[in-house]
Amino acid sequence: MTEVAFPALSKESATAEGVVSTWFVADGESVRTDQLLAEVQVDKVAAEVPAPCDGTVHLLVTEDGAVTQGAPIARID
């Protein structure tokens, strides 16, 4: 099992909250390494989150759900 964390996008506050603005995969979908999983945003900074490994993705956060930087947003089994 590999956790996919919300990336640190705000240098002002390590505990700043952001949102998963878009999921590009569905819960339970098979993914490949470097496949685009989500787009996340903190304030006006956005980033894409790729899969760190092959496996089945389990989403832990809903689209537009608030999450703290560094917190897990998905798990890949």
PDB file of N, CA and C in Angstrom:
ATOM      1  N   MET A   1       0.845  -1.182   0.000  1.00  0.00           N
ATOM      2  CA  MET A   1       0.000   0.000   0.000  1.00  0.00           C
ATOM      3  C   MET A   1       0.891   1.247   0.000  1.00  0.00           C
ATOM      4  N   THR A   2       0.562   2.195  -0.862  1.00  0.00           N
ATOM      5  CA  THR A   2       1.284   3.456  -0.962  1.00  0.00           C
ATOM      6  C   THR A   2       0.298   4.596  -0.800  1.00  0.00           C
ATOM      7  N   GLU A   3       0.596   5.519   0.102  1.00  0.00           N
ATOM      8  CA  GLU A   3      -0.265   6.691   0.263  1.00  0.00           C
ATOM      9  C   GLU A   3       0.183   7.784  -0.697  1.00  0.00           C
ATOM     10  N   VAL A   4      -0.793   8.496  -1.234  1.00  0.00           N
ATOM     11  CA  VAL A   4      -0.536   9.649  -2.103  1.00  0.00           C
ATOM     12  C   VAL A   4      -0.894  10.879  -1.283  1.00  0.00           C
ATOM     13  N   ALA A   5       0.094  11.715  -1.002  1.00  0.00           N
ATOM     14  CA  ALA A   5      -0.118  12.884  -0.141  1.00  0.00           C
ATOM     15  C   ALA A   5      -0.414  14.136  -0.953  1.00  0.00           C
ATOM     16  N   PHE A   6      -1.159  15.033  -0.332  1.00  0.00           N
ATOM     17  CA  PHE A   6      -1.396  16.367  -0.916  1.00  0.00           C
ATOM     18  C   PHE A   6      -0.050  17.084  -0.902  1.00  0.00           C
ATOM     19  N   PRO A   7       0.410  17.588  -2.044  1.00  0.00           N
ATOM     20  CA  PRO A   7       1.733  18.227  -2.078  1.00  0.00           C
ATOM     21  C   PRO A   7       1.767  19.555  -1.322  1.00  0.00           C
ATOM     22  N   ALA A   8       2.951  19.909  -0.852  1.00  0.00           N
ATOM     23  CA  ALA A   8       3.146  21.193  -0.172  1.00  0.00           C
ATOM     24  C   ALA A   8       3.261  22.278  -1.231  1.00  0.00           C
ATOM     25  N   LEU A   9       2.237  23.096  -1.357  1.00  0.00           N
ATOM     26  CA  LEU A   9       2.212  24.151  -2.369  1.00  0.00           C
ATOM     27  C   LEU A   9       2.379  25.540  -1.777  1.00  0.00           C
ATOM     28  N   SER A  10       2.036  25.708  -0.501  1.00  0.00           N
ATOM     29  CA  SER A  10       2.137  27.009   0.148  1.00  0.00           C
ATOM     30  C   SER A  10       3.380  27.036   1.017  1.00  0.00           C
ATOM     31  N   LYS A  11       4.293  27.931   0.699  1.00  0.00           N
ATOM     32  CA  LYS A  11       5.519  28.052   1.486  1.00  0.00           C
ATOM     33  C   LYS A  11       5.288  28.900   2.734  1.00  0.00           C
ATOM     34  N   GLU A  12       4.176  29.632   2.756  1.00  0.00           N
ATOM     35  CA  GLU A  12       3.871  30.498   3.894  1.00  0.00           C
ATOM     36  C   GLU A  12       3.430  29.693   5.109  1.00  0.00           C
ATOM     37  N   SER A  13       2.705  28.608   4.868  1.00  0.00           N
ATOM     38  CA  SER A  13       2.193  27.808   5.975  1.00  0.00           C
ATOM     39  C   SER A  13       2.160  26.348   5.592  1.00  0.00           C
ATOM     40  N   ALA A  14       2.903  25.537   6.310  1.00  0.00           N
ATOM     41  CA  ALA A  14       2.960  24.104   6.024  1.00  0.00           C
ATOM     42  C   ALA A  14       1.630  23.416   6.320  1.00  0.00           C
ATOM     43  N   THR A  15       0.779  24.072   7.104  1.00  0.00           N
ATOM     44  CA  THR A  15      -0.510  23.463   7.458  1.00  0.00           C
ATOM     45  C   THR A  15      -1.674  24.095   6.701  1.00  0.00           C
ATOM     46  N   ALA A  16      -1.358  24.841   5.657  1.00  0.00           N
ATOM     47  CA  ALA A  16      -2.424  25.465   4.864  1.00  0.00           C
ATOM     48  C   ALA A  16      -3.323  24.409   4.254  1.00  0.00           C
ATOM     49  N   GLU A  17      -4.609  24.721   4.173  1.00  0.00           N
ATOM     50  CA  GLU A  17      -5.546  23.791   3.567  1.00  0.00           C
ATOM     51  C   GLU A  17      -5.707  24.093   2.092  1.00  0.00           C
ATOM     52  N   GLY A  18      -5.947  23.041   1.331  1.00  0.00           N
ATOM     53  CA  GLY A  18      -6.207  23.166  -0.089  1.00  0.00           C
ATOM     54  C   GLY A  18      -7.371  22.275  -0.449  1.00  0.00           C
ATOM     55  N   VAL A  19      -7.593  22.111  -1.745  1.00  0.00           N
ATOM     56  CA  VAL A  19      -8.676  21.253  -2.224  1.00  0.00           C
ATOM     57  C   VAL A  19      -8.179  20.393  -3.379  1.00  0.00           C
ATOM     58  N   VAL A  20      -8.811  19.228  -3.520  1.00  0.00           N
ATOM     59  CA  VAL A  20      -8.633  18.427  -4.721  1.00  0.00           C
ATOM     60  C   VAL A  20      -9.662  18.990  -5.693  1.00  0.00           C
ATOM     61  N   SER A  21      -9.194  19.773  -6.654  1.00  0.00           N
ATOM     62  CA  SER A  21     -10.141  20.431  -7.556  1.00  0.00           C
ATOM     63  C   SER A  21     -10.706  19.473  -8.597  1.00  0.00           C
ATOM     64  N   THR A  22      -9.922  18.473  -9.013  1.00  0.00           N
ATOM     65  CA  THR A  22     -10.388  17.509 -10.010  1.00  0.00           C
ATOM     66  C   THR A  22      -9.720  16.162  -9.796  1.00  0.00           C
ATOM     67  N   TRP A  23     -10.507  15.114  -9.790  1.00  0.00           N
ATOM     68  CA  TRP A  23      -9.973  13.748  -9.852  1.00  0.00           C
ATOM     69  C   TRP A  23     -10.034  13.300 -11.305  1.00  0.00           C
ATOM     70  N   PHE A  24      -8.962  12.729 -11.817  1.00  0.00           N
ATOM     71  CA  PHE A  24      -8.923  12.218 -13.178  1.00  0.00           C
ATOM     72  C   PHE A  24      -9.101  10.708 -13.225  1.00  0.00           C
ATOM     73  N   VAL A  25      -9.255  10.095 -12.058  1.00  0.00           N
ATOM     74  CA  VAL A  25      -9.477   8.650 -11.945  1.00  0.00           C
ATOM     75  C   VAL A  25     -10.661   8.411 -11.014  1.00  0.00           C
ATOM     76  N   ALA A  26     -11.224   7.228 -11.110  1.00  0.00           N
ATOM     77  CA  ALA A  26     -12.341   6.849 -10.242  1.00  0.00           C
ATOM     78  C   ALA A  26     -11.839   5.917  -9.146  1.00  0.00           C
ATOM     79  N   ASP A  27     -12.537   5.917  -8.030  1.00  0.00           N
ATOM     80  CA  ASP A  27     -12.216   5.016  -6.925  1.00  0.00           C
ATOM     81  C   ASP A  27     -12.268   3.578  -7.424  1.00  0.00           C
ATOM     82  N   GLY A  28     -11.226   2.801  -7.134  1.00  0.00           N
ATOM     83  CA  GLY A  28     -11.179   1.407  -7.538  1.00  0.00           C
ATOM     84  C   GLY A  28     -10.572   1.174  -8.914  1.00  0.00           C
ATOM     85  N   GLU A  29     -10.188   2.241  -9.592  1.00  0.00           N
ATOM     86  CA  GLU A  29      -9.613   2.138 -10.940  1.00  0.00           C
ATOM     87  C   GLU A  29      -8.151   1.697 -10.861  1.00  0.00           C
ATOM     88  N   SER A  30      -7.711   0.928 -11.843  1.00  0.00           N
ATOM     89  CA  SER A  30      -6.300   0.559 -11.953  1.00  0.00           C
ATOM     90  C   SER A  30      -5.537   1.740 -12.536  1.00  0.00           C
ATOM     91  N   VAL A  31      -4.362   2.027 -11.972  1.00  0.00           N
ATOM     92  CA  VAL A  31      -3.538   3.135 -12.451  1.00  0.00           C
ATOM     93  C   VAL A  31      -2.120   2.651 -12.692  1.00  0.00           C
ATOM     94  N   ARG A  32      -1.381   3.411 -13.503  1.00  0.00           N
ATOM     95  CA  ARG A  32       0.013   3.109 -13.808  1.00  0.00           C
ATOM     96  C   ARG A  32       0.896   4.223 -13.245  1.00  0.00           C
ATOM     97  N   THR A  33       2.135   3.907 -12.997  1.00  0.00           N
ATOM     98  CA  THR A  33       3.091   4.893 -12.502  1.00  0.00           C
ATOM     99  C   THR A  33       3.090   6.131 -13.397  1.00  0.00           C
ATOM    100  N   ASP A  34       3.055   7.294 -12.782  1.00  0.00           N
ATOM    101  CA  ASP A  34       3.065   8.607 -13.427  1.00  0.00           C
ATOM    102  C   ASP A  34       1.750   8.987 -14.108  1.00  0.00           C
ATOM    103  N   GLN A  35       0.721   8.126 -14.025  1.00  0.00           N
ATOM    104  CA  GLN A  35      -0.592   8.494 -14.563  1.00  0.00           C
ATOM    105  C   GLN A  35      -1.137   9.646 -13.730  1.00  0.00           C
ATOM    106  N   LEU A  36      -1.747  10.612 -14.375  1.00  0.00           N
ATOM    107  CA  LEU A  36      -2.300  11.769 -13.676  1.00  0.00           C
ATOM    108  C   LEU A  36      -3.507  11.349 -12.834  1.00  0.00           C
ATOM    109  N   LEU A  37      -3.420  11.595 -11.527  1.00  0.00           N
ATOM    110  CA  LEU A  37      -4.502  11.234 -10.611  1.00  0.00           C
ATOM    111  C   LEU A  37      -5.441  12.399 -10.344  1.00  0.00           C
ATOM    112  N   ALA A  38      -4.854  13.564 -10.047  1.00  0.00           N
ATOM    113  CA  ALA A  38      -5.682  14.693  -9.600  1.00  0.00           C
ATOM    114  C   ALA A  38      -4.995  16.022  -9.872  1.00  0.00           C
ATOM    115  N   GLU A  39      -5.811  17.056  -9.817  1.00  0.00           N
ATOM    116  CA  GLU A  39      -5.298  18.421  -9.778  1.00  0.00           C
ATOM    117  C   GLU A  39      -5.694  18.977  -8.419  1.00  0.00           C
ATOM    118  N   VAL A  40      -4.730  19.592  -7.737  1.00  0.00           N
ATOM    119  CA  VAL A  40      -4.978  20.135  -6.403  1.00  0.00           C
ATOM    120  C   VAL A  40      -4.664  21.624  -6.407  1.00  0.00           C
ATOM    121  N   GLN A  41      -5.216  22.328  -5.420  1.00  0.00           N
ATOM    122  CA  GLN A  41      -5.013  23.783  -5.375  1.00  0.00           C
ATOM    123  C   GLN A  41      -4.960  24.278  -3.936  1.00  0.00           C
ATOM    124  N   VAL A  42      -4.032  25.200  -3.687  1.00  0.00           N
ATOM    125  CA  VAL A  42      -3.928  25.939  -2.430  1.00  0.00           C
ATOM    126  C   VAL A  42      -3.874  27.405  -2.829  1.00  0.00           C
ATOM    127  N   ASP A  43      -4.792  28.188  -2.303  1.00  0.00           N
ATOM    128  CA  ASP A  43      -4.897  29.597  -2.703  1.00  0.00           C
ATOM    129  C   ASP A  43      -4.979  29.667  -4.225  1.00  0.00           C
ATOM    130  N   LYS A  44      -4.023  30.321  -4.861  1.00  0.00           N
ATOM    131  CA  LYS A  44      -4.042  30.452  -6.327  1.00  0.00           C
ATOM    132  C   LYS A  44      -3.002  29.561  -7.000  1.00  0.00           C
ATOM    133  N   VAL A  45      -2.409  28.647  -6.242  1.00  0.00           N
ATOM    134  CA  VAL A  45      -1.392  27.748  -6.772  1.00  0.00           C
ATOM    135  C   VAL A  45      -2.023  26.379  -7.027  1.00  0.00           C
ATOM    136  N   ALA A  46      -1.855  25.880  -8.250  1.00  0.00           N
ATOM    137  CA  ALA A  46      -2.396  24.571  -8.605  1.00  0.00           C
ATOM    138  C   ALA A  46      -1.255  23.639  -9.004  1.00  0.00           C
ATOM    139  N   ALA A  47      -1.477  22.344  -8.832  1.00  0.00           N
ATOM    140  CA  ALA A  47      -0.480  21.341  -9.211  1.00  0.00           C
ATOM    141  C   ALA A  47      -1.182  20.056  -9.592  1.00  0.00           C
ATOM    142  N   GLU A  48      -0.499  19.267 -10.404  1.00  0.00           N
ATOM    143  CA  GLU A  48      -1.002  17.949 -10.769  1.00  0.00           C
ATOM    144  C   GLU A  48      -0.326  16.914  -9.888  1.00  0.00           C
ATOM    145  N   VAL A  49      -1.069  15.855  -9.565  1.00  0.00           N
ATOM    146  CA  VAL A  49      -0.548  14.793  -8.717  1.00  0.00           C
ATOM    147  C   VAL A  49      -0.522  13.495  -9.530  1.00  0.00           C
ATOM    148  N   PRO A  50       0.682  12.953  -9.808  1.00  0.00           N
ATOM    149  CA  PRO A  50       0.787  11.704 -10.549  1.00  0.00           C
ATOM    150  C   PRO A  50       0.793  10.495  -9.605  1.00  0.00           C
ATOM    151  N   ALA A  51       0.501   9.338 -10.157  1.00  0.00           N
ATOM    152  CA  ALA A  51       0.562   8.095  -9.376  1.00  0.00           C
ATOM    153  C   ALA A  51       2.028   7.725  -9.146  1.00  0.00           C
ATOM    154  N   PRO A  52       2.401   7.415  -7.901  1.00  0.00           N
ATOM    155  CA  PRO A  52       3.793   7.050  -7.619  1.00  0.00           C
ATOM    156  C   PRO A  52       4.114   5.596  -7.990  1.00  0.00           C
ATOM    157  N   CYS A  53       3.070   4.792  -8.265  1.00  0.00           N
ATOM    158  CA  CYS A  53       3.286   3.381  -8.567  1.00  0.00           C
ATOM    159  C   CYS A  53       2.069   2.815  -9.292  1.00  0.00           C
ATOM    160  N   ASP A  54       2.182   1.584  -9.788  1.00  0.00           N
ATOM    161  CA  ASP A  54       1.054   0.872 -10.390  1.00  0.00           C
ATOM    162  C   ASP A  54       0.188   0.298  -9.285  1.00  0.00           C
ATOM    163  N   GLY A  55      -1.115   0.150  -9.555  1.00  0.00           N
ATOM    164  CA  GLY A  55      -1.995  -0.497  -8.588  1.00  0.00           C
ATOM    165  C   GLY A  55      -3.430  -0.041  -8.748  1.00  0.00           C
ATOM    166  N   THR A  56      -4.215  -0.299  -7.708  1.00  0.00           N
ATOM    167  CA  THR A  56      -5.621   0.102  -7.660  1.00  0.00           C
ATOM    168  C   THR A  56      -5.737   1.287  -6.719  1.00  0.00           C
ATOM    169  N   VAL A  57      -6.340   2.368  -7.217  1.00  0.00           N
ATOM    170  CA  VAL A  57      -6.427   3.596  -6.431  1.00  0.00           C
ATOM    171  C   VAL A  57      -7.700   3.622  -5.599  1.00  0.00           C
ATOM    172  N   HIS A  58      -7.555   4.103  -4.369  1.00  0.00           N
ATOM    173  CA  HIS A  58      -8.697   4.290  -3.467  1.00  0.00           C
ATOM    174  C   HIS A  58      -8.668   5.753  -3.028  1.00  0.00           C
ATOM    175  N   LEU A  59      -9.688   6.498  -3.416  1.00  0.00           N
ATOM    176  CA  LEU A  59      -9.745   7.929  -3.118  1.00  0.00           C
ATOM    177  C   LEU A  59     -10.150   8.142  -1.666  1.00  0.00           C
ATOM    178  N   LEU A  60      -9.427   9.013  -0.975  1.00  0.00           N
ATOM    179  CA  LEU A  60      -9.689   9.293   0.438  1.00  0.00           C
ATOM    180  C   LEU A  60     -10.333  10.661   0.650  1.00  0.00           C
ATOM    181  N   VAL A  61     -10.366  11.488  -0.388  1.00  0.00           N
ATOM    182  CA  VAL A  61     -10.892  12.847  -0.306  1.00  0.00           C
ATOM    183  C   VAL A  61     -11.820  13.062  -1.500  1.00  0.00           C
ATOM    184  N   THR A  62     -12.933  13.724  -1.272  1.00  0.00           N
ATOM    185  CA  THR A  62     -13.851  14.023  -2.373  1.00  0.00           C
ATOM    186  C   THR A  62     -13.369  15.240  -3.153  1.00  0.00           C
ATOM    187  N   GLU A  63     -13.840  15.369  -4.384  1.00  0.00           N
ATOM    188  CA  GLU A  63     -13.550  16.559  -5.165  1.00  0.00           C
ATOM    189  C   GLU A  63     -14.065  17.777  -4.415  1.00  0.00           C
ATOM    190  N   ASP A  64     -13.271  18.824  -4.361  1.00  0.00           N
ATOM    191  CA  ASP A  64     -13.558  20.065  -3.636  1.00  0.00           C
ATOM    192  C   ASP A  64     -13.541  19.894  -2.121  1.00  0.00           C
ATOM    193  N   GLY A  65     -13.094  18.731  -1.653  1.00  0.00           N
ATOM    194  CA  GLY A  65     -12.965  18.510  -0.215  1.00  0.00           C
ATOM    195  C   GLY A  65     -11.693  19.152   0.307  1.00  0.00           C
ATOM    196  N   ALA A  66     -11.790  19.831   1.440  1.00  0.00           N
ATOM    197  CA  ALA A  66     -10.631  20.496   2.043  1.00  0.00           C
ATOM    198  C   ALA A  66      -9.687  19.463   2.642  1.00  0.00           C
ATOM    199  N   VAL A  67      -8.386  19.697   2.468  1.00  0.00           N
ATOM    200  CA  VAL A  67      -7.376  18.801   2.993  1.00  0.00           C
ATOM    201  C   VAL A  67      -6.113  19.608   3.320  1.00  0.00           C
ATOM    202  N   THR A  68      -5.438  19.233   4.389  1.00  0.00           N
ATOM    203  CA  THR A  68      -4.209  19.890   4.799  1.00  0.00           C
ATOM    204  C   THR A  68      -3.055  19.390   3.950  1.00  0.00           C
ATOM    205  N   GLN A  69      -2.153  20.287   3.585  1.00  0.00           N
ATOM    206  CA  GLN A  69      -0.965  19.883   2.835  1.00  0.00           C
ATOM    207  C   GLN A  69      -0.242  18.745   3.561  1.00  0.00           C
ATOM    208  N   GLY A  70       0.175  17.741   2.821  1.00  0.00           N
ATOM    209  CA  GLY A  70       0.886  16.611   3.388  1.00  0.00           C
ATOM    210  C   GLY A  70      -0.019  15.471   3.813  1.00  0.00           C
ATOM    211  N   ALA A  71      -1.313  15.720   3.921  1.00  0.00           N
ATOM    212  CA  ALA A  71      -2.264  14.677   4.325  1.00  0.00           C
ATOM    213  C   ALA A  71      -2.521  13.739   3.144  1.00  0.00           C
ATOM    214  N   PRO A  72      -2.828  12.466   3.400  1.00  0.00           N
ATOM    215  CA  PRO A  72      -3.113  11.538   2.302  1.00  0.00           C
ATOM    216  C   PRO A  72      -4.425  11.881   1.605  1.00  0.00           C
ATOM    217  N   ILE A  73      -4.393  11.819   0.272  1.00  0.00           N
ATOM    218  CA  ILE A  73      -5.613  12.064  -0.510  1.00  0.00           C
ATOM    219  C   ILE A  73      -6.073  10.791  -1.222  1.00  0.00           C
ATOM    220  N   ALA A  74      -5.162   9.820  -1.347  1.00  0.00           N
ATOM    221  CA  ALA A  74      -5.502   8.548  -1.994  1.00  0.00           C
ATOM    222  C   ALA A  74      -4.539   7.478  -1.496  1.00  0.00           C
ATOM    223  N   ARG A  75      -4.913   6.233  -1.765  1.00  0.00           N
ATOM    224  CA  ARG A  75      -4.078   5.083  -1.423  1.00  0.00           C
ATOM    225  C   ARG A  75      -4.033   4.197  -2.670  1.00  0.00           C
ATOM    226  N   ILE A  76      -2.858   3.644  -2.948  1.00  0.00           N
ATOM    227  CA  ILE A  76      -2.732   2.729  -4.072  1.00  0.00           C
ATOM    228  C   ILE A  76      -2.298   1.380  -3.519  1.00  0.00           C
ATOM    229  N   ASP A  77      -3.109   0.368  -3.793  1.00  0.00           N
ATOM    230  CA  ASP A  77      -2.814  -0.998  -3.337  1.00  0.00           C
ATOM    231  C   ASP A  77      -2.239  -1.798  -4.497  1.00  0.00           C
TER     232      ASP A  77
END
